[in-house]
Amino acid sequence: MLVFDIAGQDFENLIDTLNRAEAMRLFEEIQMQAARAGLSSMTMEEIDTEIAAYRNAPVAKPSRKKIPQGQQKGK
């Protein structure tokens, strides 16, 4: 539970503060997950290799199913 003293703050400032706190919490969680998975010790070369593999991976095209004539939207 978080408690904030909002006296003198406008609502947008409070929301911004909460968003920043949540972003920091998520970043720390991602760092902990990377450490548990052994990814926090990757070299730049290993990271670049992973990125290149992802970029070169084939992209699946969405299948386009033909809708029977009587079942088309709006008809």
N, C-alpha and C. Protein backbone atom coordinates (compact mmCIF):
# COMPACT_ATOMS: atom_id res chain seq x y z
N MET A 1 0.85 -1.17 0.00
CA MET A 1 0.00 0.00 0.00
C MET A 1 0.89 1.23 0.00
N LEU A 2 0.55 2.18 -0.85
CA LEU A 2 1.29 3.43 -0.93
C LEU A 2 0.46 4.55 -0.33
N VAL A 3 1.13 5.44 0.37
CA VAL A 3 0.46 6.61 0.93
C VAL A 3 1.17 7.83 0.39
N PHE A 4 0.42 8.75 -0.18
CA PHE A 4 0.99 9.96 -0.74
C PHE A 4 0.40 11.17 -0.06
N ASP A 5 1.23 12.16 0.19
CA ASP A 5 0.77 13.45 0.66
C ASP A 5 0.51 14.28 -0.59
N ILE A 6 -0.76 14.48 -0.92
CA ILE A 6 -1.09 15.17 -2.17
C ILE A 6 -1.39 16.65 -1.95
N ALA A 7 -1.18 17.14 -0.75
CA ALA A 7 -1.42 18.55 -0.49
C ALA A 7 -0.50 19.38 -1.37
N GLY A 8 -1.07 20.29 -2.12
CA GLY A 8 -0.28 21.16 -2.97
C GLY A 8 0.05 20.58 -4.32
N GLN A 9 -0.32 19.35 -4.61
CA GLN A 9 -0.06 18.74 -5.91
C GLN A 9 -1.33 18.72 -6.73
N ASP A 10 -1.18 18.91 -8.03
CA ASP A 10 -2.36 18.75 -8.87
C ASP A 10 -2.51 17.28 -9.26
N PHE A 11 -3.65 16.95 -9.78
CA PHE A 11 -3.98 15.56 -10.08
C PHE A 11 -3.04 14.97 -11.13
N GLU A 12 -2.70 15.73 -12.18
CA GLU A 12 -1.81 15.23 -13.22
C GLU A 12 -0.43 14.89 -12.66
N ASN A 13 0.06 15.71 -11.74
CA ASN A 13 1.35 15.47 -11.12
C ASN A 13 1.31 14.18 -10.30
N LEU A 14 0.23 13.96 -9.59
CA LEU A 14 0.08 12.73 -8.81
C LEU A 14 0.06 11.51 -9.73
N ILE A 15 -0.69 11.57 -10.81
CA ILE A 15 -0.77 10.46 -11.76
C ILE A 15 0.61 10.20 -12.36
N ASP A 16 1.34 11.26 -12.71
CA ASP A 16 2.68 11.12 -13.25
C ASP A 16 3.60 10.42 -12.25
N THR A 17 3.51 10.80 -10.99
CA THR A 17 4.32 10.18 -9.94
C THR A 17 3.99 8.70 -9.80
N LEU A 18 2.71 8.36 -9.84
CA LEU A 18 2.29 6.96 -9.74
C LEU A 18 2.77 6.16 -10.95
N ASN A 19 2.68 6.74 -12.14
CA ASN A 19 3.14 6.06 -13.34
C ASN A 19 4.64 5.79 -13.29
N ARG A 20 5.40 6.76 -12.81
CA ARG A 20 6.85 6.58 -12.69
C ARG A 20 7.18 5.49 -11.68
N ALA A 21 6.46 5.46 -10.57
CA ALA A 21 6.70 4.44 -9.55
C ALA A 21 6.40 3.05 -10.11
N GLU A 22 5.33 2.93 -10.87
CA GLU A 22 4.97 1.64 -11.47
C GLU A 22 6.01 1.23 -12.51
N ALA A 23 6.49 2.17 -13.31
CA ALA A 23 7.51 1.87 -14.31
C ALA A 23 8.80 1.39 -13.64
N MET A 24 9.18 2.02 -12.55
CA MET A 24 10.38 1.60 -11.83
C MET A 24 10.20 0.20 -11.25
N ARG A 25 9.02 -0.09 -10.72
CA ARG A 25 8.75 -1.41 -10.16
C ARG A 25 8.82 -2.48 -11.24
N LEU A 26 8.24 -2.20 -12.40
CA LEU A 26 8.27 -3.16 -13.50
C LEU A 26 9.68 -3.37 -14.02
N PHE A 27 10.46 -2.28 -14.12
CA PHE A 27 11.84 -2.39 -14.57
C PHE A 27 12.65 -3.27 -13.63
N GLU A 28 12.47 -3.07 -12.33
CA GLU A 28 13.18 -3.89 -11.35
C GLU A 28 12.76 -5.36 -11.45
N GLU A 29 11.48 -5.61 -11.71
CA GLU A 29 11.00 -6.98 -11.86
C GLU A 29 11.62 -7.63 -13.09
N ILE A 30 11.71 -6.89 -14.19
CA ILE A 30 12.33 -7.41 -15.41
C ILE A 30 13.80 -7.73 -15.16
N GLN A 31 14.49 -6.86 -14.44
CA GLN A 31 15.90 -7.11 -14.11
C GLN A 31 16.05 -8.38 -13.27
N MET A 32 15.15 -8.58 -12.30
CA MET A 32 15.22 -9.79 -11.47
C MET A 32 14.95 -11.04 -12.30
N GLN A 33 13.99 -10.98 -13.22
CA GLN A 33 13.69 -12.12 -14.09
C GLN A 33 14.90 -12.44 -14.97
N ALA A 34 15.55 -11.42 -15.50
CA ALA A 34 16.73 -11.63 -16.33
C ALA A 34 17.85 -12.28 -15.53
N ALA A 35 18.03 -11.84 -14.29
CA ALA A 35 19.07 -12.41 -13.44
C ALA A 35 18.78 -13.87 -13.14
N ARG A 36 17.51 -14.19 -12.85
CA ARG A 36 17.13 -15.58 -12.56
C ARG A 36 17.33 -16.48 -13.78
N ALA A 37 17.10 -15.93 -14.97
CA ALA A 37 17.23 -16.71 -16.20
C ALA A 37 18.67 -16.72 -16.73
N GLY A 38 19.56 -16.01 -16.05
CA GLY A 38 20.95 -15.97 -16.48
C GLY A 38 21.20 -15.04 -17.65
N LEU A 39 20.25 -14.16 -17.93
CA LEU A 39 20.38 -13.27 -19.08
C LEU A 39 21.06 -11.95 -18.73
N SER A 40 21.23 -11.68 -17.46
CA SER A 40 21.81 -10.40 -17.07
C SER A 40 23.31 -10.35 -17.31
N SER A 41 23.92 -11.49 -17.61
CA SER A 41 25.36 -11.52 -17.84
C SER A 41 25.71 -11.69 -19.32
N MET A 42 24.71 -11.49 -20.21
CA MET A 42 24.97 -11.61 -21.64
C MET A 42 25.90 -10.51 -22.11
N THR A 43 26.78 -10.87 -23.04
CA THR A 43 27.67 -9.87 -23.64
C THR A 43 26.91 -9.13 -24.75
N MET A 44 27.45 -8.00 -25.19
CA MET A 44 26.82 -7.27 -26.29
C MET A 44 26.78 -8.13 -27.55
N GLU A 45 27.79 -8.93 -27.77
CA GLU A 45 27.81 -9.81 -28.94
C GLU A 45 26.66 -10.81 -28.87
N GLU A 46 26.40 -11.38 -27.70
CA GLU A 46 25.29 -12.32 -27.54
C GLU A 46 23.95 -11.62 -27.73
N ILE A 47 23.84 -10.41 -27.23
CA ILE A 47 22.60 -9.64 -27.40
C ILE A 47 22.38 -9.32 -28.87
N ASP A 48 23.43 -8.88 -29.56
CA ASP A 48 23.33 -8.57 -30.99
C ASP A 48 22.94 -9.81 -31.79
N THR A 49 23.47 -10.97 -31.41
CA THR A 49 23.13 -12.23 -32.09
C THR A 49 21.66 -12.56 -31.91
N GLU A 50 21.15 -12.38 -30.70
CA GLU A 50 19.72 -12.63 -30.43
C GLU A 50 18.84 -11.70 -31.25
N ILE A 51 19.21 -10.42 -31.31
CA ILE A 51 18.43 -9.44 -32.07
C ILE A 51 18.43 -9.80 -33.55
N ALA A 52 19.61 -10.14 -34.08
CA ALA A 52 19.71 -10.51 -35.49
C ALA A 52 18.87 -11.74 -35.81
N ALA A 53 18.89 -12.72 -34.91
CA ALA A 53 18.09 -13.94 -35.13
C ALA A 53 16.60 -13.61 -35.14
N TYR A 54 16.18 -12.72 -34.26
CA TYR A 54 14.76 -12.33 -34.21
C TYR A 54 14.38 -11.58 -35.48
N ARG A 55 15.24 -10.68 -35.91
CA ARG A 55 14.93 -9.89 -37.11
C ARG A 55 14.91 -10.74 -38.37
N ASN A 56 15.69 -11.82 -38.40
CA ASN A 56 15.76 -12.68 -39.59
C ASN A 56 14.74 -13.81 -39.56
N ALA A 57 14.01 -13.95 -38.46
CA ALA A 57 13.03 -15.03 -38.35
C ALA A 57 11.88 -14.78 -39.32
N PRO A 58 11.37 -15.85 -39.92
CA PRO A 58 10.24 -15.68 -40.84
C PRO A 58 9.01 -15.17 -40.09
N VAL A 59 8.27 -14.32 -40.76
CA VAL A 59 7.06 -13.75 -40.17
C VAL A 59 5.87 -14.52 -40.71
N ALA A 60 5.06 -15.02 -39.81
CA ALA A 60 3.87 -15.77 -40.22
C ALA A 60 2.82 -14.79 -40.74
N LYS A 61 2.29 -15.10 -41.90
CA LYS A 61 1.24 -14.27 -42.46
C LYS A 61 -0.10 -14.73 -41.89
N PRO A 62 -0.98 -13.78 -41.56
CA PRO A 62 -2.29 -14.18 -41.04
C PRO A 62 -3.08 -14.91 -42.12
N SER A 63 -3.78 -15.94 -41.71
CA SER A 63 -4.59 -16.68 -42.69
C SER A 63 -5.88 -15.92 -42.94
N ARG A 64 -6.27 -15.91 -44.18
CA ARG A 64 -7.51 -15.23 -44.54
C ARG A 64 -8.51 -16.30 -44.96
N LYS A 65 -9.44 -16.56 -44.07
CA LYS A 65 -10.46 -17.55 -44.38
C LYS A 65 -11.58 -16.87 -45.16
N LYS A 66 -12.02 -17.55 -46.19
CA LYS A 66 -13.12 -17.02 -46.97
C LYS A 66 -14.42 -17.30 -46.23
N ILE A 67 -15.18 -16.26 -46.01
CA ILE A 67 -16.45 -16.40 -45.30
C ILE A 67 -17.53 -16.76 -46.32
N PRO A 68 -18.29 -17.83 -46.03
CA PRO A 68 -19.37 -18.20 -46.95
C PRO A 68 -20.32 -17.04 -47.18
N GLN A 69 -20.90 -16.98 -48.37
CA GLN A 69 -21.72 -15.86 -48.82
C GLN A 69 -22.80 -15.45 -47.81
N GLY A 70 -23.52 -16.30 -47.23
CA GLY A 70 -24.64 -15.94 -46.35
C GLY A 70 -24.19 -15.51 -44.95
N GLN A 71 -22.91 -15.67 -44.60
CA GLN A 71 -22.45 -15.37 -43.25
C GLN A 71 -21.61 -14.11 -43.15
N GLN A 72 -21.55 -13.33 -44.23
CA GLN A 72 -20.74 -12.13 -44.21
C GLN A 72 -21.38 -11.07 -43.31
N LYS A 73 -20.53 -10.30 -42.64
CA LYS A 73 -20.99 -9.27 -41.71
C LYS A 73 -21.85 -8.25 -42.43
N GLY A 74 -22.96 -7.91 -41.81
CA GLY A 74 -23.83 -6.88 -42.35
C GLY A 74 -24.79 -7.38 -43.41
N LYS A 75 -24.80 -8.68 -43.64
CA LYS A 75 -25.71 -9.20 -44.67
C LYS A 75 -26.70 -10.14 -44.07
